[in-house]
C-alpha atoms as a PDB file:
ATOM      1  CA  MET A   1      78.245 153.165 124.781  1.00  0.00           C
ATOM      2  CA  SER A   2      74.708 152.057 124.015  1.00  0.00           C
ATOM      3  CA  LEU A   3      72.691 153.404 121.049  1.00  0.00           C
ATOM      4  CA  GLN A   4      70.281 155.108 123.464  1.00  0.00           C
ATOM      5  CA  THR A   5      73.182 156.793 125.270  1.00  0.00           C
ATOM      6  CA  GLU A   6      74.657 157.915 121.887  1.00  0.00           C
ATOM      7  CA  ILE A   7      71.327 159.392 120.809  1.00  0.00           C
ATOM      8  CA  THR A   8      70.964 161.152 124.153  1.00  0.00           C
ATOM      9  CA  LYS A   9      74.486 162.583 124.248  1.00  0.00           C
ATOM     10  CA  CYS A  10      75.086 163.266 120.551  1.00  0.00           C
ATOM     11  CA  PRO A  11      71.746 163.891 118.805  1.00  0.00           C
ATOM     12  CA  ALA A  12      73.397 166.015 116.093  1.00  0.00           C
ATOM     13  CA  VAL A  13      75.812 163.218 115.127  1.00  0.00           C
ATOM     14  CA  PHE A  14      73.013 160.662 115.020  1.00  0.00           C
ATOM     15  CA  LEU A  15      70.810 162.838 112.828  1.00  0.00           C
ATOM     16  CA  GLU A  16      73.716 163.503 110.470  1.00  0.00           C
ATOM     17  CA  ARG A  17      74.373 159.768 110.024  1.00  0.00           C
ATOM     18  CA  THR A  18      70.655 159.059 109.561  1.00  0.00           C
ATOM     19  CA  PHE A  19      70.242 161.708 106.866  1.00  0.00           C
ATOM     20  CA  PHE A  20      73.405 160.482 105.125  1.00  0.00           C
ATOM     21  CA  LEU A  21      72.061 156.927 104.914  1.00  0.00           C
ATOM     22  CA  PHE A  22      68.625 158.150 103.752  1.00  0.00           C
ATOM     23  CA  PHE A  23      69.942 160.321 100.949  1.00  0.00           C
ATOM     24  CA  SER A  24      72.467 157.657  99.890  1.00  0.00           C
ATOM     25  CA  CYS A  25      69.588 155.223  99.442  1.00  0.00           C
ATOM     26  CA  LEU A  26      67.540 157.872  97.649  1.00  0.00           C
ATOM     27  CA  GLU A  27      70.409 158.664  95.266  1.00  0.00           C
ATOM     28  CA  PHE A  28      70.793 154.958  94.515  1.00  0.00           C
ATOM     29  CA  GLU A  29      67.070 154.686  93.716  1.00  0.00           C
ATOM     30  CA  PHE A  30      67.212 157.689  91.354  1.00  0.00           C
ATOM     31  CA  SER A  31      70.278 156.237  89.651  1.00  0.00           C
ATOM     32  CA  MET A  32      68.485 152.920  89.057  1.00  0.00           C
ATOM     33  CA  LEU A  33      65.374 154.746  87.809  1.00  0.00           C
ATOM     34  CA  LYS A  34      67.464 156.827  85.400  1.00  0.00           C
ATOM     35  CA  GLN A  35      69.121 153.710  83.990  1.00  0.00           C
ATOM     36  CA  PHE A  36      65.724 152.040  83.594  1.00  0.00           C
ATOM     37  CA  ILE A  37      64.304 155.034  81.680  1.00  0.00           C
ATOM     38  CA  VAL A  38      67.333 155.105  79.342  1.00  0.00           C
ATOM     39  CA  LEU A  39      66.952 151.376  78.684  1.00  0.00           C
ATOM     40  CA  LEU A  40      63.227 151.812  78.009  1.00  0.00           C
ATOM     41  CA  VAL A  41      63.865 154.621  75.478  1.00  0.00           C
ATOM     42  CA  VAL A  42      66.432 152.471  73.654  1.00  0.00           C
ATOM     43  CA  LEU A  43      64.016 149.533  73.507  1.00  0.00           C
ATOM     44  CA  VAL A  44      61.188 151.713  72.140  1.00  0.00           C
ATOM     45  CA  ALA A  45      63.492 153.182  69.473  1.00  0.00           C
ATOM     46  CA  CYS A  46      64.674 149.730  68.428  1.00  0.00           C
ATOM     47  CA  CYS A  47      61.119 148.383  68.251  1.00  0.00           C
ATOM     48  CA  HIS A  48      60.014 151.443  66.221  1.00  0.00           C
ATOM     49  CA  ALA A  49      62.891 150.978  63.773  1.00  0.00           C
ATOM     50  CA  HIS A  50      62.044 147.299  63.492  1.00  0.00           C
ATOM     51  CA  PHE A  51      58.308 147.612  62.934  1.00  0.00           C
ATOM     52  CA  VAL A  52      58.181 150.801  60.768  1.00  0.00           C
ATOM     53  CA  ASP A  53      58.907 149.543  57.269  1.00  0.00           C
ATOM     54  CA  PRO A  54      60.584 152.277  55.142  1.00  0.00           C
ATOM     55  CA  ARG A  55      59.427 150.482  51.969  1.00  0.00           C
ATOM     56  CA  ILE A  56      55.754 151.290  52.498  1.00  0.00           C
ATOM     57  CA  ARG A  57      53.969 154.414  53.687  1.00  0.00           C
ATOM     58  CA  SER A  58      50.330 155.242  54.330  1.00  0.00           C
ATOM     59  CA  PHE A  59      49.266 158.874  54.298  1.00  0.00           C
ATOM     60  CA  GLN A  60      46.337 161.211  53.713  1.00  0.00           C
ATOM     61  CA  ILE A  61      45.772 163.673  50.877  1.00  0.00           C
ATOM     62  CA  THR A  62      43.389 166.595  51.341  1.00  0.00           C
ATOM     63  CA  THR A  63      41.333 168.667  48.905  1.00  0.00           C
ATOM     64  CA  GLU A  64      43.887 171.472  48.637  1.00  0.00           C
ATOM     65  CA  GLU A  65      47.464 170.370  49.251  1.00  0.00           C
ATOM     66  CA  GLN A  66      50.949 170.481  47.739  1.00  0.00           C
ATOM     67  CA  ASN A  67      53.262 167.836  49.123  1.00  0.00           C
ATOM     68  CA  SER A  68      55.483 164.819  48.483  1.00  0.00           C
ATOM     69  CA  ARG A  69      56.019 161.404  50.069  1.00  0.00           C
ATOM     70  CA  THR A  70      59.054 159.097  49.813  1.00  0.00           C
ATOM     71  CA  VAL A  71      59.721 155.400  50.480  1.00  0.00           C
ATOM     72  CA  ARG A  72      63.095 153.630  50.486  1.00  0.00           C
ATOM     73  CA  THR A  73      64.654 150.195  50.170  1.00  0.00           C
ATOM     74  CA  VAL A  74      68.180 148.754  50.155  1.00  0.00           C
ATOM     75  CA  VAL A  75      69.472 146.604  47.297  1.00  0.00           C
ATOM     76  CA  ASP A  76      72.906 144.980  47.760  1.00  0.00           C
ATOM     77  CA  GLY A  77      73.936 147.653  50.236  1.00  0.00           C
ATOM     78  CA  SER A  78      72.789 150.626  48.111  1.00  0.00           C
ATOM     79  CA  GLU A  79      69.673 152.687  48.790  1.00  0.00           C
ATOM     80  CA  ALA A  80      66.922 153.220  46.230  1.00  0.00           C
ATOM     81  CA  SER A  81      63.936 155.504  46.763  1.00  0.00           C
ATOM     82  CA  CYS A  82      60.625 156.457  45.197  1.00  0.00           C
ATOM     83  CA  THR A  83      58.946 159.863  45.577  1.00  0.00           C
ATOM     84  CA  PHE A  84      55.346 160.831  44.863  1.00  0.00           C
ATOM     85  CA  SER A  85      54.894 164.609  44.427  1.00  0.00           C
ATOM     86  CA  PHE A  86      51.455 166.107  43.934  1.00  0.00           C
ATOM     87  CA  ARG A  87      49.232 169.165  44.099  1.00  0.00           C
ATOM     88  CA  THR A  88      45.474 169.032  44.595  1.00  0.00           C
ATOM     89  CA  SER A  89      42.884 171.796  44.382  1.00  0.00           C
ATOM     90  CA  VAL A  90      39.149 172.336  44.297  1.00  0.00           C
ATOM     91  CA  SER A  91      37.789 171.117  40.970  1.00  0.00           C
ATOM     92  CA  ALA A  92      36.164 174.426  40.006  1.00  0.00           C
ATOM     93  CA  VAL A  93      38.897 174.975  37.443  1.00  0.00           C
ATOM     94  CA  THR A  94      39.047 172.065  35.064  1.00  0.00           C
ATOM     95  CA  GLU A  95      42.652 172.823  34.052  1.00  0.00           C
ATOM     96  CA  GLN A  96      41.629 171.747  30.544  1.00  0.00           C
ATOM     97  CA  PRO A  97      41.361 174.062  27.535  1.00  0.00           C
ATOM     98  CA  LEU A  98      38.177 174.547  25.568  1.00  0.00           C
ATOM     99  CA  LYS A  99      37.873 172.350  22.538  1.00  0.00           C
ATOM    100  CA  SER A 100      38.123 174.510  19.481  1.00  0.00           C
ATOM    101  CA  GLN A 101      34.782 174.872  17.737  1.00  0.00           C
ATOM    102  CA  ALA A 102      36.379 176.362  14.667  1.00  0.00           C
ATOM    103  CA  SER A 103      39.765 176.381  13.070  1.00  0.00           C
ATOM    104  CA  SER A 104      39.758 180.179  13.167  1.00  0.00           C
ATOM    105  CA  ALA A 105      39.736 180.451  16.983  1.00  0.00           C
ATOM    106  CA  ALA A 106      40.901 183.869  18.124  1.00  0.00           C
ATOM    107  CA  SER A 107      44.149 184.379  20.025  1.00  0.00           C
ATOM    108  CA  VAL A 108      43.719 186.426  23.212  1.00  0.00           C
ATOM    109  CA  ASP A 109      46.829 188.317  24.285  1.00  0.00           C
ATOM    110  CA  LEU A 110      47.030 188.245  28.076  1.00  0.00           C
ATOM    111  CA  ALA A 111      49.124 191.414  28.376  1.00  0.00           C
ATOM    112  CA  SER A 112      46.570 193.392  26.359  1.00  0.00           C
ATOM    113  CA  VAL A 113      43.634 192.156  28.453  1.00  0.00           C
ATOM    114  CA  VAL A 114      45.428 192.908  31.727  1.00  0.00           C
ATOM    115  CA  LYS A 115      46.202 196.404  30.444  1.00  0.00           C
ATOM    116  CA  ARG A 116      42.493 197.023  29.680  1.00  0.00           C
ATOM    117  CA  LEU A 117      41.555 195.869  33.187  1.00  0.00           C
ATOM    118  CA  GLU A 118      43.632 198.552  34.920  1.00  0.00           C
ATOM    119  CA  GLY A 119      41.548 200.368  37.512  1.00  0.00           C
ATOM    120  CA  LEU A 120      39.305 197.342  38.197  1.00  0.00           C
ATOM    121  CA  CYS A 121      39.565 195.210  41.342  1.00  0.00           C
ATOM    122  CA  ALA A 122      38.432 191.666  42.161  1.00  0.00           C
ATOM    123  CA  SER A 123      38.108 190.691  45.811  1.00  0.00           C
ATOM    124  CA  LYS A 124      36.915 187.729  47.831  1.00  0.00           C
ATOM    125  CA  THR A 125      37.065 186.521  51.448  1.00  0.00           C
ATOM    126  CA  PHE A 126      38.396 183.036  52.121  1.00  0.00           C
ATOM    127  CA  ASP A 127      38.044 182.055  55.786  1.00  0.00           C
ATOM    128  CA  TYR A 128      40.028 184.621  57.849  1.00  0.00           C
ATOM    129  CA  TRP A 129      41.643 186.657  55.054  1.00  0.00           C
ATOM    130  CA  THR A 130      40.208 188.904  52.365  1.00  0.00           C
ATOM    131  CA  TYR A 131      42.127 189.073  49.076  1.00  0.00           C
ATOM    132  CA  GLU A 132      41.951 191.975  46.627  1.00  0.00           C
ATOM    133  CA  LEU A 133      43.512 191.998  43.163  1.00  0.00           C
ATOM    134  CA  CYS A 134      43.647 195.537  41.741  1.00  0.00           C
ATOM    135  CA  PHE A 135      44.870 195.528  38.155  1.00  0.00           C
ATOM    136  CA  GLY A 136      47.725 197.934  37.513  1.00  0.00           C
ATOM    137  CA  LYS A 137      48.477 198.151  41.248  1.00  0.00           C
ATOM    138  CA  MET A 138      48.895 195.112  43.475  1.00  0.00           C
ATOM    139  CA  PHE A 139      47.443 191.952  44.986  1.00  0.00           C
ATOM    140  CA  ARG A 140      46.879 192.293  48.724  1.00  0.00           C
ATOM    141  CA  GLN A 141      45.760 190.174  51.675  1.00  0.00           C
ATOM    142  CA  TYR A 142      44.165 191.863  54.670  1.00  0.00           C
ATOM    143  CA  HIS A 143      42.231 191.444  57.882  1.00  0.00           C
ATOM    144  CA  SER A 144      42.194 194.601  60.003  1.00  0.00           C
ATOM    145  CA  PRO A 145      44.665 195.745  61.225  1.00  0.00           C
ATOM    146  CA  ASP A 146      46.988 193.400  59.251  1.00  0.00           C
ATOM    147  CA  GLN A 147      47.720 193.856  55.536  1.00  0.00           C
ATOM    148  CA  TYR A 148      50.266 192.251  53.208  1.00  0.00           C
ATOM    149  CA  ASN A 149      51.228 193.036  49.616  1.00  0.00           C
ATOM    150  CA  LEU A 150      51.399 189.682  47.779  1.00  0.00           C
ATOM    151  CA  GLY A 151      52.894 191.119  44.563  1.00  0.00           C
ATOM    152  CA  THR A 152      52.759 194.187  42.338  1.00  0.00           C
ATOM    153  CA  PHE A 153      51.840 194.778  38.704  1.00  0.00           C
ATOM    154  CA  GLU A 154      54.746 197.219  38.466  1.00  0.00           C
ATOM    155  CA  HIS A 155      57.107 194.236  38.553  1.00  0.00           C
ATOM    156  CA  ASN A 156      55.606 191.222  36.797  1.00  0.00           C
ATOM    157  CA  THR A 157      56.254 188.603  34.134  1.00  0.00           C
ATOM    158  CA  ILE A 158      53.763 186.959  31.763  1.00  0.00           C
ATOM    159  CA  THR A 159      54.099 183.401  30.456  1.00  0.00           C
ATOM    160  CA  GLY A 160      51.283 181.881  28.411  1.00  0.00           C
ATOM    161  CA  THR A 161      48.073 182.148  30.436  1.00  0.00           C
ATOM    162  CA  THR A 162      49.758 183.069  33.733  1.00  0.00           C
ATOM    163  CA  GLN A 163      51.230 186.219  35.250  1.00  0.00           C
ATOM    164  CA  LYS A 164      53.818 186.379  38.068  1.00  0.00           C
ATOM    165  CA  LEU A 165      53.474 189.349  40.431  1.00  0.00           C
ATOM    166  CA  LEU A 166      56.711 190.194  42.237  1.00  0.00           C
ATOM    167  CA  ASP A 167      58.098 192.451  44.996  1.00  0.00           C
ATOM    168  CA  GLY A 168      55.453 191.989  47.671  1.00  0.00           C
ATOM    169  CA  THR A 169      55.875 192.531  51.407  1.00  0.00           C
ATOM    170  CA  PRO A 170      59.071 190.880  52.774  1.00  0.00           C
ATOM    171  CA  CYS A 171      58.388 187.414  54.204  1.00  0.00           C
ATOM    172  CA  GLU A 172      59.120 187.279  57.939  1.00  0.00           C
ATOM    173  CA  GLY A 173      58.796 183.490  57.963  1.00  0.00           C
ATOM    174  CA  LEU A 174      61.946 182.896  55.889  1.00  0.00           C
ATOM    175  CA  ASN A 175      65.507 183.711  56.943  1.00  0.00           C
ATOM    176  CA  ALA A 176      66.434 185.931  53.988  1.00  0.00           C
ATOM    177  CA  HIS A 177      63.053 187.766  54.152  1.00  0.00           C
ATOM    178  CA  PRO A 178      62.391 187.458  50.385  1.00  0.00           C
ATOM    179  CA  PRO A 179      59.464 189.445  48.953  1.00  0.00           C
ATOM    180  CA  ARG A 180      56.094 187.737  48.622  1.00  0.00           C
ATOM    181  CA  THR A 181      55.101 186.630  45.100  1.00  0.00           C
ATOM    182  CA  THR A 182      51.889 185.477  43.428  1.00  0.00           C
ATOM    183  CA  LYS A 183      51.276 183.401  40.309  1.00  0.00           C
ATOM    184  CA  VAL A 184      47.968 184.519  38.759  1.00  0.00           C
ATOM    185  CA  MET A 185      46.316 181.916  36.534  1.00  0.00           C
ATOM    186  CA  TYR A 186      43.726 183.319  34.100  1.00  0.00           C
ATOM    187  CA  SER A 187      40.764 181.232  32.945  1.00  0.00           C
ATOM    188  CA  CYS A 188      37.670 181.423  30.771  1.00  0.00           C
ATOM    189  CA  MET A 189      34.526 182.050  32.836  1.00  0.00           C
ATOM    190  CA  LYS A 190      31.584 182.628  30.513  1.00  0.00           C
ATOM    191  CA  SER A 191      29.375 184.395  33.052  1.00  0.00           C
ATOM    192  CA  ALA A 192      32.099 186.830  34.213  1.00  0.00           C
ATOM    193  CA  LYS A 193      31.894 190.204  32.464  1.00  0.00           C
ATOM    194  CA  THR A 194      34.313 191.596  35.059  1.00  0.00           C
ATOM    195  CA  PRO A 195      37.263 189.701  36.565  1.00  0.00           C
ATOM    196  CA  GLN A 196      36.323 187.223  39.313  1.00  0.00           C
ATOM    197  CA  LEU A 197      38.725 185.960  41.985  1.00  0.00           C
ATOM    198  CA  ILE A 198      38.036 182.230  42.111  1.00  0.00           C
ATOM    199  CA  SER A 199      40.603 180.860  44.560  1.00  0.00           C
ATOM    200  CA  VAL A 200      43.821 181.724  46.413  1.00  0.00           C
ATOM    201  CA  ASP A 201      46.343 179.213  47.753  1.00  0.00           C
ATOM    202  CA  GLU A 202      49.641 179.653  49.589  1.00  0.00           C
ATOM    203  CA  VAL A 203      51.514 176.910  47.721  1.00  0.00           C
ATOM    204  CA  SER A 204      54.682 177.458  49.780  1.00  0.00           C
ATOM    205  CA  THR A 205      55.714 179.953  52.449  1.00  0.00           C
ATOM    206  CA  CYS A 206      54.933 183.469  51.119  1.00  0.00           C
ATOM    207  CA  ASN A 207      54.390 182.176  47.553  1.00  0.00           C
ATOM    208  CA  TYR A 208      50.784 182.312  46.400  1.00  0.00           C
ATOM    209  CA  GLN A 209      48.636 181.168  43.502  1.00  0.00           C
ATOM    210  CA  ALA A 210      45.421 182.919  42.484  1.00  0.00           C
ATOM    211  CA  ASN A 211      42.819 181.879  39.890  1.00  0.00           C
ATOM    212  CA  VAL A 212      40.975 184.643  38.005  1.00  0.00           C
ATOM    213  CA  GLY A 213      38.049 184.068  35.648  1.00  0.00           C
ATOM    214  CA  LEU A 214      36.840 186.353  32.829  1.00  0.00           C
ATOM    215  CA  ASP A 215      34.705 185.845  29.721  1.00  0.00           C
ATOM    216  CA  ALA A 216      37.247 187.709  27.551  1.00  0.00           C
ATOM    217  CA  PHE A 217      39.494 184.613  27.620  1.00  0.00           C
ATOM    218  CA  CYS A 218      36.818 182.243  26.272  1.00  0.00           C
ATOM    219  CA  ALA A 219      37.612 183.081  22.634  1.00  0.00           C
ATOM    220  CA  ASP A 220      41.033 181.412  22.975  1.00  0.00           C
ATOM    221  CA  PRO A 221      41.068 177.616  23.613  1.00  0.00           C
ATOM    222  CA  LYS A 222      44.438 177.737  25.377  1.00  0.00           C
ATOM    223  CA  TYR A 223      42.844 179.227  28.524  1.00  0.00           C
ATOM    224  CA  PRO A 224      41.464 176.746  31.114  1.00  0.00           C
ATOM    225  CA  VAL A 225      37.691 176.704  31.557  1.00  0.00           C
ATOM    226  CA  VAL A 226      36.028 177.580  34.857  1.00  0.00           C
ATOM    227  CA  ASN A 227      32.851 175.803  35.911  1.00  0.00           C
ATOM    228  CA  ALA A 228      30.801 178.736  37.256  1.00  0.00           C
ATOM    229  CA  ALA A 229      28.378 176.435  39.106  1.00  0.00           C
ATOM    230  CA  ALA A 230      31.270 174.736  40.905  1.00  0.00           C
ATOM    231  CA  VAL A 231      32.681 178.126  41.865  1.00  0.00           C
ATOM    232  CA  ALA A 232      29.328 179.187  43.310  1.00  0.00           C
ATOM    233  CA  SER A 233      28.932 175.972  45.300  1.00  0.00           C
ATOM    234  CA  SER A 234      32.431 176.248  46.767  1.00  0.00           C
ATOM    235  CA  SER A 235      32.229 179.932  47.684  1.00  0.00           C
ATOM    236  CA  GLY A 236      30.553 179.413  51.074  1.00  0.00           C
ATOM    237  CA  GLU A 237      32.300 179.674  54.411  1.00  0.00           C
ATOM    238  CA  GLN A 238      32.654 175.910  54.739  1.00  0.00           C
ATOM    239  CA  LYS A 239      34.570 174.053  52.038  1.00  0.00           C
ATOM    240  CA  ASP A 240      33.629 170.486  51.160  1.00  0.00           C
ATOM    241  CA  LEU A 241      36.992 169.056  52.181  1.00  0.00           C
ATOM    242  CA  VAL A 242      38.087 165.557  51.265  1.00  0.00           C
ATOM    243  CA  ASN A 243      40.611 163.541  53.261  1.00  0.00           C
ATOM    244  CA  GLU A 244      41.624 160.362  51.465  1.00  0.00           C
ATOM    245  CA  ASP A 245      43.901 157.525  52.533  1.00  0.00           C
ATOM    246  CA  TRP A 246      46.676 156.669  50.074  1.00  0.00           C
ATOM    247  CA  MET A 247      49.576 154.236  50.056  1.00  0.00           C
ATOM    248  CA  LEU A 248      53.074 154.452  48.529  1.00  0.00           C
ATOM    249  CA  GLN A 249      55.226 151.321  48.223  1.00  0.00           C
ATOM    250  CA  ILE A 250      58.578 150.314  46.705  1.00  0.00           C
ATOM    251  CA  THR A 251      59.314 146.638  45.976  1.00  0.00           C
ATOM    252  CA  HIS A 252      62.433 144.743  44.893  1.00  0.00           C
ATOM    253  CA  THR A 253      61.206 141.858  42.718  1.00  0.00           C
ATOM    254  CA  ASP A 254      62.658 138.378  42.253  1.00  0.00           C
ATOM    255  CA  ASP A 255      63.866 139.270  38.745  1.00  0.00           C
ATOM    256  CA  ASN A 256      65.930 142.161  40.223  1.00  0.00           C
ATOM    257  CA  ARG A 257      63.668 145.047  39.229  1.00  0.00           C
ATOM    258  CA  LEU A 258      62.300 147.885  41.339  1.00  0.00           C
ATOM    259  CA  VAL A 259      58.583 148.643  41.299  1.00  0.00           C
ATOM    260  CA  CYS A 260      56.956 151.709  42.857  1.00  0.00           C
ATOM    261  CA  THR A 261      53.196 151.978  43.324  1.00  0.00           C
ATOM    262  CA  VAL A 262      50.978 154.744  44.658  1.00  0.00           C
ATOM    263  CA  ALA A 263      47.261 154.101  45.050  1.00  0.00           C
ATOM    264  CA  SER A 264      44.139 155.400  46.723  1.00  0.00           C
ATOM    265  CA  HIS A 265      42.488 153.131  49.271  1.00  0.00           C
ATOM    266  CA  GLU A 266      39.259 154.066  47.483  1.00  0.00           C
ATOM    267  CA  LEU A 267      40.414 152.229  44.329  1.00  0.00           C
ATOM    268  CA  ARG A 268      38.190 149.236  45.003  1.00  0.00           C
ATOM    269  CA  SER A 269      35.071 151.264  45.839  1.00  0.00           C
ATOM    270  CA  MET A 270      33.911 154.540  44.321  1.00  0.00           C
ATOM    271  CA  GLY A 271      37.415 155.784  43.524  1.00  0.00           C
ATOM    272  CA  SER A 272      39.285 158.925  44.503  1.00  0.00           C
ATOM    273  CA  LYS A 273      37.254 162.141  44.819  1.00  0.00           C
ATOM    274  CA  LEU A 274      40.327 164.391  44.734  1.00  0.00           C
ATOM    275  CA  HIS A 275      41.178 166.748  41.892  1.00  0.00           C
ATOM    276  CA  PHE A 276      44.902 166.631  41.052  1.00  0.00           C
ATOM    277  CA  VAL A 277      46.324 169.698  39.369  1.00  0.00           C
ATOM    278  CA  GLU A 278      49.619 167.868  38.844  1.00  0.00           C
ATOM    279  CA  PHE A 279      51.484 164.764  40.020  1.00  0.00           C
ATOM    280  CA  GLN A 280      54.825 163.046  39.551  1.00  0.00           C
ATOM    281  CA  LEU A 281      56.129 159.588  40.523  1.00  0.00           C
ATOM    282  CA  ARG A 282      59.895 158.977  40.296  1.00  0.00           C
ATOM    283  CA  LEU A 283      62.379 156.228  41.161  1.00  0.00           C
ATOM    284  CA  ASN A 284      65.888 157.136  42.275  1.00  0.00           C
ATOM    285  CA  THR A 285      68.146 154.163  41.564  1.00  0.00           C
ATOM    286  CA  GLN A 286      71.528 155.878  41.310  1.00  0.00           C
ATOM    287  CA  GLY A 287      74.283 153.433  42.248  1.00  0.00           C
ATOM    288  CA  VAL A 288      71.877 150.466  42.447  1.00  0.00           C
ATOM    289  CA  ARG A 289      72.460 147.506  40.142  1.00  0.00           C
ATOM    290  CA  ILE A 290      69.066 146.405  38.873  1.00  0.00           C
ATOM    291  CA  SER A 291      67.471 144.995  35.748  1.00  0.00           C
ATOM    292  CA  SER A 292      65.402 147.080  33.333  1.00  0.00           C
ATOM    293  CA  SER A 293      62.452 146.420  31.057  1.00  0.00           C
ATOM    294  CA  SER A 294      62.702 147.464  27.419  1.00  0.00           C
ATOM    295  CA  SER A 295      58.952 148.106  27.142  1.00  0.00           C
ATOM    296  CA  ASN A 296      57.475 151.482  28.074  1.00  0.00           C
ATOM    297  CA  GLU A 297      54.103 149.792  28.613  1.00  0.00           C
ATOM    298  CA  GLU A 298      55.654 147.668  31.372  1.00  0.00           C
ATOM    299  CA  LYS A 299      57.463 150.617  32.922  1.00  0.00           C
ATOM    300  CA  ALA A 300      54.386 152.770  33.600  1.00  0.00           C
ATOM    301  CA  VAL A 301      50.699 152.124  34.281  1.00  0.00           C
ATOM    302  CA  ALA A 302      48.137 154.688  35.485  1.00  0.00           C
ATOM    303  CA  ARG A 303      44.413 154.427  36.166  1.00  0.00           C
ATOM    304  CA  HIS A 304      41.499 156.735  36.872  1.00  0.00           C
ATOM    305  CA  PRO A 305      38.863 155.969  39.531  1.00  0.00           C
ATOM    306  CA  GLY A 306      36.885 152.878  38.566  1.00  0.00           C
ATOM    307  CA  ARG A 307      40.106 151.263  37.250  1.00  0.00           C
ATOM    308  CA  GLN A 308      39.787 153.141  33.972  1.00  0.00           C
ATOM    309  CA  PRO A 309      43.148 153.332  32.125  1.00  0.00           C
ATOM    310  CA  PHE A 310      44.693 156.659  31.192  1.00  0.00           C
ATOM    311  CA  GLY A 311      44.044 157.885  27.675  1.00  0.00           C
ATOM    312  CA  SER A 312      46.368 159.378  25.096  1.00  0.00           C
ATOM    313  CA  ASN A 313      48.583 162.241  26.334  1.00  0.00           C
ATOM    314  CA  GLU A 314      47.379 161.900  29.941  1.00  0.00           C
ATOM    315  CA  LEU A 315      50.670 160.369  31.148  1.00  0.00           C
ATOM    316  CA  ARG A 316      54.168 161.512  30.228  1.00  0.00           C
ATOM    317  CA  LEU A 317      57.425 159.595  30.712  1.00  0.00           C
ATOM    318  CA  VAL A 318      60.166 161.652  32.383  1.00  0.00           C
ATOM    319  CA  THR A 319      63.629 160.785  33.677  1.00  0.00           C
ATOM    320  CA  GLY A 320      63.176 158.182  36.385  1.00  0.00           C
ATOM    321  CA  GLY A 321      59.403 157.987  36.207  1.00  0.00           C
ATOM    322  CA  VAL A 322      56.197 159.651  35.022  1.00  0.00           C
ATOM    323  CA  ARG A 323      54.155 162.817  35.443  1.00  0.00           C
ATOM    324  CA  ASN A 324      50.744 164.019  34.283  1.00  0.00           C
ATOM    325  CA  GLY A 325      50.415 164.829  30.590  1.00  0.00           C
ATOM    326  CA  ASP A 326      48.701 167.786  28.929  1.00  0.00           C
ATOM    327  CA  ALA A 327      45.377 165.908  28.553  1.00  0.00           C
ATOM    328  CA  PHE A 328      45.190 164.778  32.214  1.00  0.00           C
ATOM    329  CA  ASP A 329      41.695 165.473  33.585  1.00  0.00           C
ATOM    330  CA  GLY A 330      42.616 165.708  37.283  1.00  0.00           C
ATOM    331  CA  LYS A 331      41.274 162.286  38.322  1.00  0.00           C
ATOM    332  CA  LEU A 332      43.821 159.814  39.690  1.00  0.00           C
ATOM    333  CA  ALA A 333      43.551 156.549  41.605  1.00  0.00           C
ATOM    334  CA  TYR A 334      46.620 154.421  40.786  1.00  0.00           C
ATOM    335  CA  VAL A 335      50.119 154.767  39.282  1.00  0.00           C
ATOM    336  CA  ARG A 336      52.827 152.131  38.992  1.00  0.00           C
ATOM    337  CA  ILE A 337      56.344 152.548  37.574  1.00  0.00           C
ATOM    338  CA  SER A 338      59.177 150.054  37.326  1.00  0.00           C
ATOM    339  CA  THR A 339      62.732 149.799  36.076  1.00  0.00           C
END
């Protein structure tokens, strides 16, 4: 029987065979395409793993940020790492105490001052939210119709120049729904006869930090000093944000030591414009067999912008690395630690 006769007599059978062949070819093409895509993904992953060096990392730091970065290397089959942790903020608060003008400087009791302020409120709007600190009651965040209690004075703790407000509105963003809390940092602000809310930061989910300035604290040199002009210049709707490029690197040297370096890319020009509230650089060498220097001077080096070395009490040695000391002025451009 000819093909024409078969088509004429059995059109249904012919169409069935035609569709079967068509879809068989189509299924084969999809199978080949799927295999090609899988192969391409594997190749991209391998190339990414090959070209992304875990020993060096470039990143940006902004004006107000709390974060950490880590780099890693392998020495004789064991992993070593270096972590740079930091917190930056606007430089309105110098974080440095007043220099005592007399040996008989008065001691200002924070609990007593806070008690006298009961009934007063300090409020300020930062971008979308308005914050209101009412002494003796609570610290709240609101933008109609939303309102959150960030901590109450009924449940609080005082340590030095700071006060922790507890038992705020439960945090929906965390699994256990813990209450919101706020750490209030009190500072000397010579022009402030009534308490002034300087800044508010959410340092971690539902945990806040607020800076409050008042002239009553200026008699005691342990309270940080607020630059009123800097506060005024930063109180507009638009903040003068800084985004700086930094680099973190860990190196295994020929003499079997580990060196970790963090530096601003601005080191060779005008230097970093960021204000660091705190920083820490640490090496984790547990289980790694490496050599060690006996000199503390060789183990840690830190510089300000302009390659200026750190002064006395600006850098403190801690287990595995260094952190800022009590006299640190907030300016940082370069830190290197080694074993």
